[in-house]
């Protein structure tokens, strides 16, 4: 009996160590993209959810919604910053440059406005992403979901260093970690998406995705999923043109 208890205790210790060493974030990139390092979780870095939830009024224009990468300028990236934000102690926390462990980050990535790297928004919001590249080449974009899943996207080829822009779509509650590669890595950017959990919206749906169900509303609300342009209705409602229901 004594030896049995000792063996069980040893097995528990070994299992506990094995689970402790498991990595919650995937590093399996697709499409020939460079393999990234494992990012640190927001919790391990001591990051707090920003209290100034970024306004959801940010949204791509009709032209931007059809592009994965747009040329822009430093002035445009900094112009989005609220007045007085640069000198704020709170915003200094949100401007931390977090780089891959044991690696350099010649490129920069900012959220909503430069030089912000930690932000929060509501579910289904859009946030501008500002990218300052130090070189030329293919741009690969990486997004780690709260579940640890890694979504890799090819953003395009840039012929010269400079400022570029793309958009983030908040499709899953929790912490999202972003990074890109262009002849070198960028820093990590952290976005906390606020909203009820338990559902996941596939970032690459096929054929027609169903978005996360909205809570109760007293008026008709429609939602267009950017990757497909498909429009959904929040619940059944009637207009002069007929009866509409979530599709």
Protein backbone atom coordinates (compact mmCIF):
# COMPACT_ATOMS: atom_id res chain seq x y z
CA UNK A 1 0.00 0.00 0.00
CA UNK A 2 2.84 2.35 0.88
CA UNK A 3 4.59 1.81 -2.46
CA UNK A 4 1.31 2.25 -4.33
CA UNK A 5 0.79 5.66 -2.73
CA UNK A 6 4.37 6.70 -3.54
CA UNK A 7 3.94 5.68 -7.20
CA UNK A 8 0.64 7.60 -7.46
CA UNK A 9 2.26 10.69 -5.92
CA UNK A 10 5.18 10.52 -8.39
CA UNK A 11 2.78 10.19 -11.33
CA UNK A 12 0.85 13.24 -10.15
CA UNK A 13 4.07 15.27 -9.93
CA UNK A 14 5.17 14.19 -13.41
CA UNK A 15 1.77 14.98 -14.92
CA UNK A 16 1.69 18.34 -13.21
CA UNK A 17 5.14 19.23 -14.58
CA UNK A 18 4.15 18.11 -18.08
CA UNK A 19 1.01 20.26 -18.08
CA UNK A 20 2.98 23.17 -16.66
CA UNK A 21 5.34 22.99 -19.62
CA UNK A 22 2.56 22.85 -22.22
CA UNK A 23 2.41 25.92 -24.43
CA UNK A 24 -1.06 27.45 -24.74
CA UNK A 25 -0.22 29.34 -27.95
CA UNK A 26 0.27 27.59 -31.28
CA UNK A 27 3.27 28.47 -33.45
CA UNK A 28 2.14 26.47 -36.48
CA UNK A 29 2.06 28.96 -39.35
CA UNK A 30 0.41 28.22 -42.68
CA UNK A 31 1.02 29.11 -46.33
CA UNK A 32 4.81 29.16 -46.05
CA UNK A 33 4.86 31.94 -43.46
CA UNK A 34 7.89 32.20 -41.14
CA UNK A 35 7.44 30.38 -37.84
CA UNK A 36 6.88 32.83 -34.98
CA UNK A 37 8.09 32.59 -31.41
CA UNK A 38 5.56 31.80 -28.72
CA UNK A 39 4.11 35.05 -27.38
CA UNK A 40 3.75 35.76 -23.68
CA UNK A 41 0.20 35.88 -22.40
CA UNK A 42 -1.26 39.17 -21.22
CA UNK A 43 -1.64 37.64 -17.75
CA UNK A 44 2.02 36.62 -17.50
CA UNK A 45 3.04 40.15 -18.51
CA UNK A 46 0.75 41.65 -15.90
CA UNK A 47 -1.27 43.55 -18.51
CA UNK A 48 -4.55 44.94 -17.25
CA UNK A 49 -7.60 45.30 -19.47
CA UNK A 50 -7.57 48.95 -20.58
CA UNK A 51 -10.42 50.90 -19.02
CA UNK A 52 -10.70 53.28 -21.95
CA UNK A 53 -12.51 50.98 -24.36
CA UNK A 54 -11.65 52.18 -27.84
CA UNK A 55 -14.66 53.65 -29.59
CA UNK A 56 -16.32 51.24 -31.99
CA UNK A 57 -16.96 54.05 -34.47
CA UNK A 58 -13.64 53.20 -36.10
CA UNK A 59 -14.38 51.30 -39.28
CA UNK A 60 -12.78 50.78 -42.67
CA UNK A 61 -14.08 52.79 -45.58
CA UNK A 62 -15.73 50.98 -48.46
CA UNK A 63 -12.44 51.05 -50.34
CA UNK A 64 -10.38 49.90 -47.34
CA UNK A 65 -12.72 46.97 -46.64
CA UNK A 66 -11.60 45.37 -49.91
CA UNK A 67 -7.87 45.67 -49.16
CA UNK A 68 -5.62 43.71 -46.82
CA UNK A 69 -2.92 46.39 -46.72
CA UNK A 70 -2.90 50.13 -47.41
CA UNK A 71 -0.08 52.64 -47.65
CA UNK A 72 -0.34 55.46 -45.11
CA UNK A 73 1.85 57.94 -43.21
CA UNK A 74 3.27 58.52 -39.76
CA UNK A 75 1.18 61.68 -39.44
CA UNK A 76 -2.00 59.70 -40.07
CA UNK A 77 -1.05 57.08 -37.47
CA UNK A 78 -0.42 59.69 -34.76
CA UNK A 79 -3.41 61.83 -35.73
CA UNK A 80 -5.78 59.22 -34.28
CA UNK A 81 -4.38 59.72 -30.75
CA UNK A 82 -6.74 61.50 -28.31
CA UNK A 83 -5.59 64.91 -27.11
CA UNK A 84 -3.30 64.73 -24.09
CA UNK A 85 -2.78 60.98 -24.40
CA UNK A 86 0.97 61.08 -25.04
CA UNK A 87 1.87 62.51 -21.65
CA UNK A 88 -0.60 60.43 -19.66
CA UNK A 89 0.90 57.93 -17.22
CA UNK A 90 -1.93 55.52 -17.98
CA UNK A 91 -1.23 55.64 -21.68
CA UNK A 92 2.47 54.99 -21.09
CA UNK A 93 1.40 51.56 -19.83
CA UNK A 94 -0.57 51.02 -23.03
CA UNK A 95 2.44 51.98 -25.15
CA UNK A 96 4.75 49.19 -23.96
CA UNK A 97 6.94 47.65 -26.66
CA UNK A 98 6.82 43.90 -26.09
CA UNK A 99 9.21 42.04 -28.40
CA UNK A 100 9.82 38.32 -29.01
CA UNK A 101 12.06 36.73 -26.39
CA UNK A 102 15.64 36.44 -27.59
CA UNK A 103 14.87 38.20 -30.85
CA UNK A 104 14.92 41.70 -32.28
CA UNK A 105 11.92 43.56 -33.63
CA UNK A 106 12.95 45.98 -36.39
CA UNK A 107 9.31 46.60 -37.32
CA UNK A 108 6.59 48.31 -35.26
CA UNK A 109 2.89 47.55 -34.81
CA UNK A 110 0.40 49.91 -33.15
CA UNK A 111 -3.30 49.63 -32.32
CA UNK A 112 -5.89 52.33 -32.98
CA UNK A 113 -3.17 55.00 -33.06
CA UNK A 114 0.59 55.26 -32.70
CA UNK A 115 2.35 54.52 -30.40
CA UNK A 116 -0.32 52.44 -28.62
CA UNK A 117 0.29 48.67 -28.33
CA UNK A 118 -2.32 47.58 -25.76
CA UNK A 119 -6.00 48.34 -26.28
CA UNK A 120 -9.54 47.10 -25.70
CA UNK A 121 -12.74 47.20 -27.70
CA UNK A 122 -16.20 45.69 -27.79
CA UNK A 123 -17.18 42.56 -29.68
CA UNK A 124 -17.59 43.19 -33.43
CA UNK A 125 -15.67 46.48 -33.30
CA UNK A 126 -13.03 47.44 -35.85
CA UNK A 127 -9.65 48.87 -34.86
CA UNK A 128 -7.04 50.38 -37.13
CA UNK A 129 -3.63 48.69 -37.11
CA UNK A 130 -0.62 50.85 -37.99
CA UNK A 131 2.54 49.17 -39.23
CA UNK A 132 5.95 50.79 -39.60
CA UNK A 133 8.23 48.54 -41.64
CA UNK A 134 11.99 48.94 -41.72
CA UNK A 135 12.50 46.88 -44.86
CA UNK A 136 10.82 45.49 -47.96
CA UNK A 137 9.33 42.11 -48.79
CA UNK A 138 6.32 39.95 -48.02
CA UNK A 139 4.19 40.85 -45.02
CA UNK A 140 2.78 37.98 -43.00
CA UNK A 141 0.28 38.81 -40.30
CA UNK A 142 -0.28 36.67 -37.20
CA UNK A 143 -3.20 36.68 -34.77
CA UNK A 144 -3.37 34.48 -31.69
CA UNK A 145 -6.90 33.92 -30.41
CA UNK A 146 -7.82 33.52 -26.71
CA UNK A 147 -7.99 29.74 -27.26
CA UNK A 148 -4.33 29.73 -28.38
CA UNK A 149 -5.19 29.17 -32.04
CA UNK A 150 -2.91 30.95 -34.50
CA UNK A 151 -4.42 32.53 -37.61
CA UNK A 152 -1.83 33.44 -40.29
CA UNK A 153 -2.58 35.75 -43.21
CA UNK A 154 -0.55 36.96 -46.17
CA UNK A 155 -1.03 40.74 -46.31
CA UNK A 156 0.97 41.55 -49.46
CA UNK A 157 4.36 42.68 -50.72
CA UNK A 158 5.86 46.10 -49.99
CA UNK A 159 8.52 47.62 -52.24
CA UNK A 160 9.82 50.17 -49.77
CA UNK A 161 10.00 50.76 -45.99
CA UNK A 162 7.33 52.98 -44.53
CA UNK A 163 3.92 53.13 -42.89
CA UNK A 164 1.06 50.77 -43.72
CA UNK A 165 -2.39 50.18 -42.36
CA UNK A 166 -4.83 47.29 -42.02
CA UNK A 167 -7.88 46.56 -39.86
CA UNK A 168 -8.59 44.32 -36.88
CA UNK A 169 -12.05 42.79 -36.50
CA UNK A 170 -13.08 41.77 -32.95
CA UNK A 171 -14.76 38.42 -33.55
CA UNK A 172 -14.06 36.62 -30.26
CA UNK A 173 -14.12 37.82 -26.61
CA UNK A 174 -10.82 37.69 -24.72
CA UNK A 175 -7.18 38.63 -25.33
CA UNK A 176 -5.93 38.68 -28.93
CA UNK A 177 -2.19 38.91 -29.65
CA UNK A 178 -1.03 40.37 -32.97
CA UNK A 179 2.31 40.45 -34.76
CA UNK A 180 3.64 40.64 -38.33
CA UNK A 181 6.75 39.71 -40.26
CA UNK A 182 8.40 41.75 -43.03
CA UNK A 183 12.09 40.89 -43.41
CA UNK A 184 12.04 40.82 -39.61
CA UNK A 185 9.54 40.64 -36.77
CA UNK A 186 7.43 43.35 -35.23
CA UNK A 187 6.61 43.84 -31.58
CA UNK A 188 3.49 42.15 -30.18
CA UNK A 189 0.25 44.08 -29.81
CA UNK A 190 -2.47 43.07 -27.34
CA UNK A 191 -6.21 43.69 -27.75
CA UNK A 192 -8.83 42.71 -25.19
CA UNK A 193 -12.26 42.15 -26.73
CA UNK A 194 -15.12 42.67 -24.30
CA UNK A 195 -18.29 40.69 -24.74
CA UNK A 196 -20.07 37.52 -23.63
CA UNK A 197 -18.01 34.40 -24.26
CA UNK A 198 -18.83 30.86 -25.23
CA UNK A 199 -19.08 31.39 -28.98
CA UNK A 200 -16.46 31.54 -31.67
CA UNK A 201 -16.75 33.21 -35.08
CA UNK A 202 -14.49 31.54 -37.63
CA UNK A 203 -12.16 34.21 -39.11
CA UNK A 204 -12.10 32.24 -42.38
CA UNK A 205 -15.69 31.01 -42.73
CA UNK A 206 -17.01 28.82 -45.52
CA UNK A 207 -19.48 29.13 -46.95
CA UNK A 208 -21.69 31.52 -44.90
CA UNK A 209 -20.81 32.18 -41.24
CA UNK A 210 -23.30 32.94 -38.51
CA UNK A 211 -22.03 35.80 -36.37
CA UNK A 212 -22.08 35.85 -32.60
CA UNK A 213 -25.74 36.37 -31.52
CA UNK A 214 -26.41 39.87 -30.27
CA UNK A 215 -28.09 40.34 -26.87
CA UNK A 216 -31.56 41.78 -26.52
CA UNK A 217 -32.29 44.95 -28.45
CA UNK A 218 -35.46 46.99 -28.83
CA UNK A 219 -34.83 47.89 -32.47
CA UNK A 220 -33.64 46.06 -35.60
CA UNK A 221 -29.87 45.76 -35.87
CA UNK A 222 -27.99 44.43 -38.88
CA UNK A 223 -24.43 43.21 -39.04
CA UNK A 224 -22.30 42.73 -42.15
CA UNK A 225 -19.46 40.23 -41.82
CA UNK A 226 -16.44 41.92 -43.53
CA UNK A 227 -14.76 38.90 -45.17
CA UNK A 228 -17.91 37.84 -47.05
CA UNK A 229 -20.07 40.95 -47.14
CA UNK A 230 -22.98 38.83 -45.92
CA UNK A 231 -25.61 40.75 -43.93
CA UNK A 232 -27.30 39.29 -40.84
CA UNK A 233 -30.23 40.54 -38.78
CA UNK A 234 -30.10 40.47 -34.99
CA UNK A 235 -33.56 38.90 -34.70
CA UNK A 236 -36.81 38.44 -36.61
CA UNK A 237 -38.46 41.71 -37.50
CA UNK A 238 -40.84 43.11 -40.08
CA UNK A 239 -40.48 46.00 -42.48
CA UNK A 240 -42.58 47.31 -45.33
CA UNK A 241 -40.59 45.10 -47.70
CA UNK A 242 -41.41 41.92 -45.85
CA UNK A 243 -40.40 39.67 -43.02
CA UNK A 244 -36.66 39.41 -42.22
CA UNK A 245 -35.02 36.87 -40.01
CA UNK A 246 -31.39 36.16 -39.06
CA UNK A 247 -29.77 34.24 -41.87
